[in-house]
Protein backbone atom coordinates (compact mmCIF):
# COMPACT_ATOMS: atom_id res chain seq x y z
CA MET A 1 21.13 12.52 -9.09
CA LYS A 2 22.87 9.87 -11.15
CA VAL A 3 21.86 6.30 -10.26
CA ALA A 4 23.54 3.06 -11.37
CA LEU A 5 21.22 0.06 -11.23
CA THR A 6 22.09 -3.61 -11.66
CA GLY A 7 19.29 -5.96 -12.62
CA SER A 8 17.60 -3.07 -14.39
CA GLU A 9 15.38 -5.30 -16.52
CA GLY A 10 14.24 -7.52 -13.64
CA MET A 11 10.87 -7.37 -11.93
CA LEU A 12 12.04 -4.95 -9.24
CA GLY A 13 14.52 -3.22 -11.51
CA GLN A 14 11.85 -2.07 -13.92
CA ASP A 15 9.82 -0.51 -11.11
CA ILE A 16 12.94 1.17 -9.76
CA GLN A 17 13.49 2.66 -13.20
CA GLY A 18 10.00 4.12 -13.08
CA VAL A 19 10.49 5.66 -9.64
CA PHE A 20 13.83 7.19 -10.63
CA SER A 21 12.60 8.36 -14.04
CA GLU A 22 13.43 12.00 -13.28
CA ASP A 23 17.00 11.10 -12.35
CA GLU A 24 19.83 10.08 -14.64
CA LEU A 25 19.74 6.30 -14.49
CA ILE A 26 22.41 3.96 -15.86
CA GLY A 27 20.94 0.49 -16.08
CA PHE A 28 23.07 -2.65 -16.14
CA THR A 29 21.60 -5.93 -17.32
CA TYR A 30 22.96 -9.47 -17.25
CA SER A 31 24.17 -9.07 -20.83
CA SER A 32 25.73 -5.64 -20.40
CA LEU A 33 27.70 -6.31 -17.20
CA ASP A 34 28.91 -9.59 -15.70
CA ILE A 35 29.04 -8.65 -12.02
CA THR A 36 31.24 -11.68 -11.26
CA VAL A 37 34.20 -10.16 -13.14
CA LEU A 38 35.86 -7.65 -10.83
CA ASP A 39 37.78 -5.70 -13.46
CA ASP A 40 34.66 -5.23 -15.59
CA VAL A 41 32.65 -4.04 -12.59
CA ILE A 42 35.29 -1.55 -11.46
CA ARG A 43 35.69 -0.18 -14.98
CA SER A 44 31.95 0.12 -15.65
CA ILE A 45 31.15 1.86 -12.36
CA ARG A 46 34.13 4.19 -12.79
CA GLU A 47 32.90 5.18 -16.23
CA ALA A 48 29.31 5.69 -15.04
CA ARG A 49 30.40 7.73 -12.00
CA PRO A 50 26.99 7.49 -10.28
CA ASP A 51 25.98 9.18 -7.04
CA VAL A 52 24.46 5.94 -5.76
CA LEU A 53 24.60 2.28 -6.77
CA ILE A 54 21.49 0.10 -6.41
CA HIS A 55 22.29 -3.59 -6.63
CA ALA A 56 19.14 -5.52 -7.57
CA ALA A 57 20.71 -8.20 -9.74
CA ALA A 58 20.83 -11.68 -8.21
CA TYR A 59 20.84 -15.42 -8.66
CA THR A 60 17.26 -16.13 -7.52
CA ASP A 61 16.57 -19.80 -8.30
CA VAL A 62 16.21 -21.07 -4.74
CA ASP A 63 15.91 -24.76 -5.59
CA ARG A 64 18.60 -24.81 -8.25
CA ALA A 65 21.03 -23.25 -5.79
CA GLU A 66 20.98 -26.50 -3.81
CA ALA A 67 22.47 -28.30 -6.81
CA GLU A 68 24.91 -25.54 -7.81
CA PRO A 69 25.72 -23.61 -4.63
CA GLU A 70 29.01 -22.23 -5.91
CA GLN A 71 27.21 -20.48 -8.76
CA ALA A 72 24.92 -18.83 -6.23
CA TYR A 73 27.94 -17.87 -4.10
CA LEU A 74 29.67 -16.47 -7.18
CA VAL A 75 26.79 -14.24 -8.26
CA ASN A 76 25.24 -13.26 -4.93
CA GLY A 77 28.46 -13.30 -2.95
CA LEU A 78 31.43 -12.31 -5.09
CA GLY A 79 29.31 -10.31 -7.51
CA THR A 80 28.09 -8.22 -4.59
CA ARG A 81 31.66 -7.95 -3.28
CA ASN A 82 32.77 -6.53 -6.62
CA LEU A 83 30.06 -3.88 -6.60
CA ALA A 84 30.77 -2.96 -2.98
CA MET A 85 34.43 -2.47 -3.87
CA ALA A 86 33.48 -0.25 -6.80
CA ALA A 87 31.13 1.81 -4.62
CA GLU A 88 33.81 2.24 -1.96
CA GLU A 89 36.37 3.37 -4.55
CA LEU A 90 34.00 6.15 -5.65
CA ARG A 91 32.90 6.82 -2.05
CA ILE A 92 29.23 6.42 -2.95
CA PRO A 93 26.47 4.50 -1.13
CA ILE A 94 25.40 1.05 -2.26
CA VAL A 95 21.88 -0.32 -1.83
CA TYR A 96 21.94 -4.11 -1.69
CA LEU A 97 18.67 -6.04 -2.02
CA SER A 98 18.72 -9.06 0.26
CA THR A 99 16.15 -11.58 1.47
CA ASP A 100 14.08 -12.99 4.31
CA TYR A 101 15.77 -16.32 3.60
CA VAL A 102 18.82 -15.28 5.64
CA PHE A 103 16.76 -16.43 8.67
CA ASP A 104 16.00 -19.99 9.73
CA GLY A 105 12.30 -19.44 10.39
CA THR A 106 12.25 -20.68 14.00
CA LYS A 107 11.44 -17.35 15.66
CA LYS A 108 7.79 -17.10 16.74
CA ALA A 109 7.59 -13.34 16.17
CA ALA A 110 8.62 -11.14 13.24
CA TYR A 111 12.34 -10.88 12.57
CA ASP A 112 14.05 -7.62 13.46
CA GLU A 113 17.06 -6.33 11.56
CA TRP A 114 19.46 -7.28 14.36
CA ASP A 115 18.26 -10.86 14.80
CA PRO A 116 21.02 -13.41 14.07
CA ALA A 117 21.02 -14.73 10.52
CA CYS A 118 21.04 -18.49 10.07
CA PRO A 119 19.93 -19.53 6.57
CA VAL A 120 18.54 -23.00 5.95
CA ASN A 121 19.23 -23.14 2.22
CA GLN A 122 22.07 -22.30 -0.15
CA TYR A 123 20.27 -19.34 -1.69
CA GLY A 124 19.84 -17.70 1.71
CA LEU A 125 23.48 -18.39 2.51
CA SER A 126 24.62 -16.84 -0.77
CA LYS A 127 22.67 -13.65 -0.03
CA LEU A 128 24.09 -13.55 3.48
CA ILE A 129 27.59 -13.83 2.01
CA GLY A 130 26.72 -10.77 -0.07
CA GLU A 131 25.60 -8.91 3.03
CA ARG A 132 28.84 -9.74 4.82
CA PHE A 133 30.92 -8.47 1.92
CA VAL A 134 28.97 -5.21 1.82
CA THR A 135 29.29 -4.54 5.55
CA SER A 136 33.01 -5.37 5.59
CA LEU A 137 33.99 -3.39 2.49
CA THR A 138 32.08 -0.11 2.82
CA ASN A 139 30.42 1.93 5.53
CA ARG A 140 28.11 3.65 3.03
CA HIS A 141 25.52 0.94 2.65
CA TYR A 142 21.83 0.18 2.83
CA ILE A 143 21.11 -3.53 3.08
CA VAL A 144 17.41 -3.98 2.32
CA ARG A 145 15.89 -7.34 3.15
CA THR A 146 12.53 -7.99 1.55
CA SER A 147 10.30 -10.99 0.83
CA TRP A 148 7.71 -12.66 -1.40
CA LEU A 149 8.12 -10.17 -4.25
CA CYS A 150 5.26 -9.59 -6.69
CA GLY A 151 5.33 -7.21 -9.63
CA LYS A 152 3.84 -6.57 -13.03
CA ASN A 153 7.14 -7.18 -14.80
CA GLY A 154 7.90 -10.78 -13.88
CA LYS A 155 6.68 -14.19 -12.82
CA ASN A 156 5.34 -14.29 -9.28
CA PHE A 157 2.90 -16.05 -6.95
CA VAL A 158 -0.06 -13.87 -7.87
CA GLU A 159 0.27 -14.63 -11.56
CA THR A 160 0.75 -18.34 -10.86
CA ILE A 161 -2.39 -18.57 -8.71
CA CYS A 162 -4.45 -16.60 -11.25
CA ARG A 163 -3.36 -19.01 -13.96
CA LEU A 164 -4.06 -22.11 -11.88
CA LEU A 165 -7.51 -20.81 -10.98
CA THR A 166 -8.39 -20.80 -14.67
CA GLU A 167 -6.95 -24.28 -15.26
CA ARG A 168 -8.11 -26.30 -12.24
CA GLU A 169 -11.24 -26.89 -10.21
CA SER A 170 -9.35 -26.97 -6.91
CA LEU A 171 -5.95 -26.03 -5.53
CA ASP A 172 -3.73 -27.24 -2.70
CA VAL A 173 -1.61 -24.43 -1.25
CA VAL A 174 1.00 -24.55 1.50
CA ASP A 175 -0.22 -23.18 4.83
CA ASP A 176 2.78 -23.78 7.11
CA GLN A 177 5.03 -21.04 5.72
CA ARG A 178 4.34 -17.44 6.72
CA GLY A 179 5.80 -14.29 5.24
CA CYS A 180 5.10 -10.79 3.98
CA PRO A 181 3.94 -10.29 0.38
CA THR A 182 5.79 -7.31 -1.05
CA PHE A 183 4.85 -5.47 -4.22
CA THR A 184 7.77 -4.15 -6.20
CA SER A 185 6.07 -0.88 -7.10
CA ASP A 186 5.74 -0.04 -3.39
CA LEU A 187 9.24 -1.25 -2.54
CA ALA A 188 10.80 0.86 -5.28
CA VAL A 189 9.18 4.02 -3.89
CA LYS A 190 10.47 3.25 -0.41
CA LEU A 191 13.99 2.70 -1.71
CA ARG A 192 13.90 6.23 -3.10
CA GLU A 193 12.77 7.57 0.28
CA LEU A 194 15.51 5.64 2.07
CA LEU A 195 18.36 7.35 0.25
CA GLY A 196 19.89 10.07 2.38
CA ARG A 197 18.75 8.44 5.62
CA GLY A 198 21.03 6.66 8.05
CA TYR A 199 23.02 3.75 6.67
CA GLY A 200 22.38 0.23 7.90
CA THR A 201 20.17 -2.81 7.45
CA TYR A 202 16.44 -2.35 6.82
CA HIS A 203 13.55 -4.75 6.46
CA ILE A 204 11.08 -3.42 3.89
CA THR A 205 7.90 -5.33 3.09
CA ASN A 206 4.26 -4.49 2.68
CA SER A 207 2.52 -4.38 6.07
CA GLY A 208 0.94 -7.52 7.46
CA ALA A 209 1.72 -11.20 7.03
CA CYS A 210 0.02 -14.36 5.81
CA SER A 211 0.62 -17.93 4.71
CA TRP A 212 0.78 -18.89 1.04
CA TYR A 213 -2.67 -20.43 1.49
CA GLU A 214 -4.13 -17.22 2.92
CA PHE A 215 -2.49 -15.28 0.11
CA ALA A 216 -4.07 -17.58 -2.49
CA VAL A 217 -7.52 -17.33 -0.88
CA LYS A 218 -7.32 -13.54 -1.00
CA ILE A 219 -6.29 -13.60 -4.66
CA ALA A 220 -9.20 -15.90 -5.55
CA GLY A 221 -11.66 -13.69 -3.68
CA LEU A 222 -10.52 -10.52 -5.41
CA LYS A 223 -10.67 -12.25 -8.80
CA GLY A 224 -14.17 -13.59 -8.10
CA TYR A 225 -13.28 -17.28 -8.30
CA ASN A 226 -15.38 -19.64 -6.20
CA LYS A 227 -13.12 -22.68 -6.28
CA LYS A 228 -11.91 -24.95 -3.52
CA ILE A 229 -8.51 -24.00 -2.11
CA ALA A 230 -7.22 -26.45 0.49
CA PRO A 231 -4.47 -25.74 3.05
CA VAL A 232 -1.69 -28.33 3.06
CA THR A 233 1.71 -28.77 4.70
CA SER A 234 5.01 -28.31 2.89
CA ASP A 235 5.46 -32.09 2.86
CA LYS A 236 2.83 -32.23 0.11
CA PHE A 237 5.23 -30.39 -2.22
CA PRO A 238 8.77 -31.66 -1.54
CA ARG A 239 11.41 -29.33 -2.98
CA PRO A 240 15.22 -29.39 -3.03
CA ALA A 241 15.58 -26.28 -0.85
CA LYS A 242 14.13 -26.07 2.64
CA ARG A 243 12.02 -22.96 3.27
CA PRO A 244 11.84 -21.15 6.63
CA ALA A 245 8.47 -21.70 8.33
CA ASN A 246 8.39 -18.09 9.51
CA SER A 247 10.03 -15.43 7.37
CA VAL A 248 7.92 -12.49 8.53
CA LEU A 249 10.07 -9.36 8.63
CA GLY A 250 9.40 -6.62 11.14
CA ASN A 251 10.05 -3.24 9.54
CA THR A 252 11.53 -1.93 12.77
CA MET A 253 14.33 0.22 11.37
CA LEU A 254 11.91 2.01 9.06
CA ARG A 255 9.83 3.05 12.05
CA LEU A 256 12.87 4.08 14.07
CA GLU A 257 14.11 6.14 11.14
CA GLY A 258 10.73 7.91 10.97
CA LEU A 259 9.70 6.49 7.60
CA GLU A 260 6.12 5.39 6.96
CA PRO A 261 5.63 1.64 6.53
CA LEU A 262 4.42 0.27 3.23
CA ARG A 263 0.65 -0.11 2.90
CA PRO A 264 -1.02 -3.42 3.84
CA TRP A 265 -0.35 -6.22 1.38
CA GLU A 266 -4.09 -6.74 0.87
CA GLU A 267 -4.48 -3.16 -0.38
CA ALA A 268 -1.48 -3.49 -2.67
CA LEU A 269 -2.84 -6.79 -4.03
CA ALA A 270 -6.21 -5.21 -4.80
CA ASP A 271 -4.50 -2.47 -6.80
CA TYR A 272 -2.30 -5.03 -8.54
CA LEU A 273 -5.34 -7.03 -9.66
CA GLY A 274 -7.52 -4.00 -10.35
């Protein structure tokens, strides 16, 4: 199988490369392909002639998107449109990585794939625009919403907490936002398993949910740090972009499709830190 991958040098992209190491993989980076230029995208995908296109590249600066929303729309919206058009021309499936931030966080239970999207920040809106382009331009699509990504090949919450635990005697960590930590090595494997299954929208996260505070406490425990970690509300750390209070994703479509859920996030974290 020949696989085209955008964002190939990103945190998730590098793990995807590892999972697809036995396939022919054509990686596109920010410097090798500007996804916002339609003609360049069409030409590059035509020349690569892949069997599947995995779109992992994205504008991911949530707070900065509030100040420059059109840049987020350009990359996450029109860039995704361009790739969907290229995939449709070649009649190949596209896998689009989306986000829990398409939801407003007001639901009390986990979000299912068919729950109405209503983003509360510009980043979430830009990713939703990408989803809408994909669903309107091609029927051969997998939209994969995921959350709270952690991986060995990029900056993430685990690395930040580990660093702060060495620098400070105590930490304040937000406890009024809940989500699903997801480890890119596990997600990449599941993306491989998803190919060839029914098209549609899937939520894929590690099993279980927690707050950022609970996540930090678990990290400290596994690392053997005995330092004070205090739960605080989001008001303690004002940021430009509002975050959904509940962004827990229910992996309902995975179960309905007969695919095993990802392992619990605590188990994945232990391996990550091991």
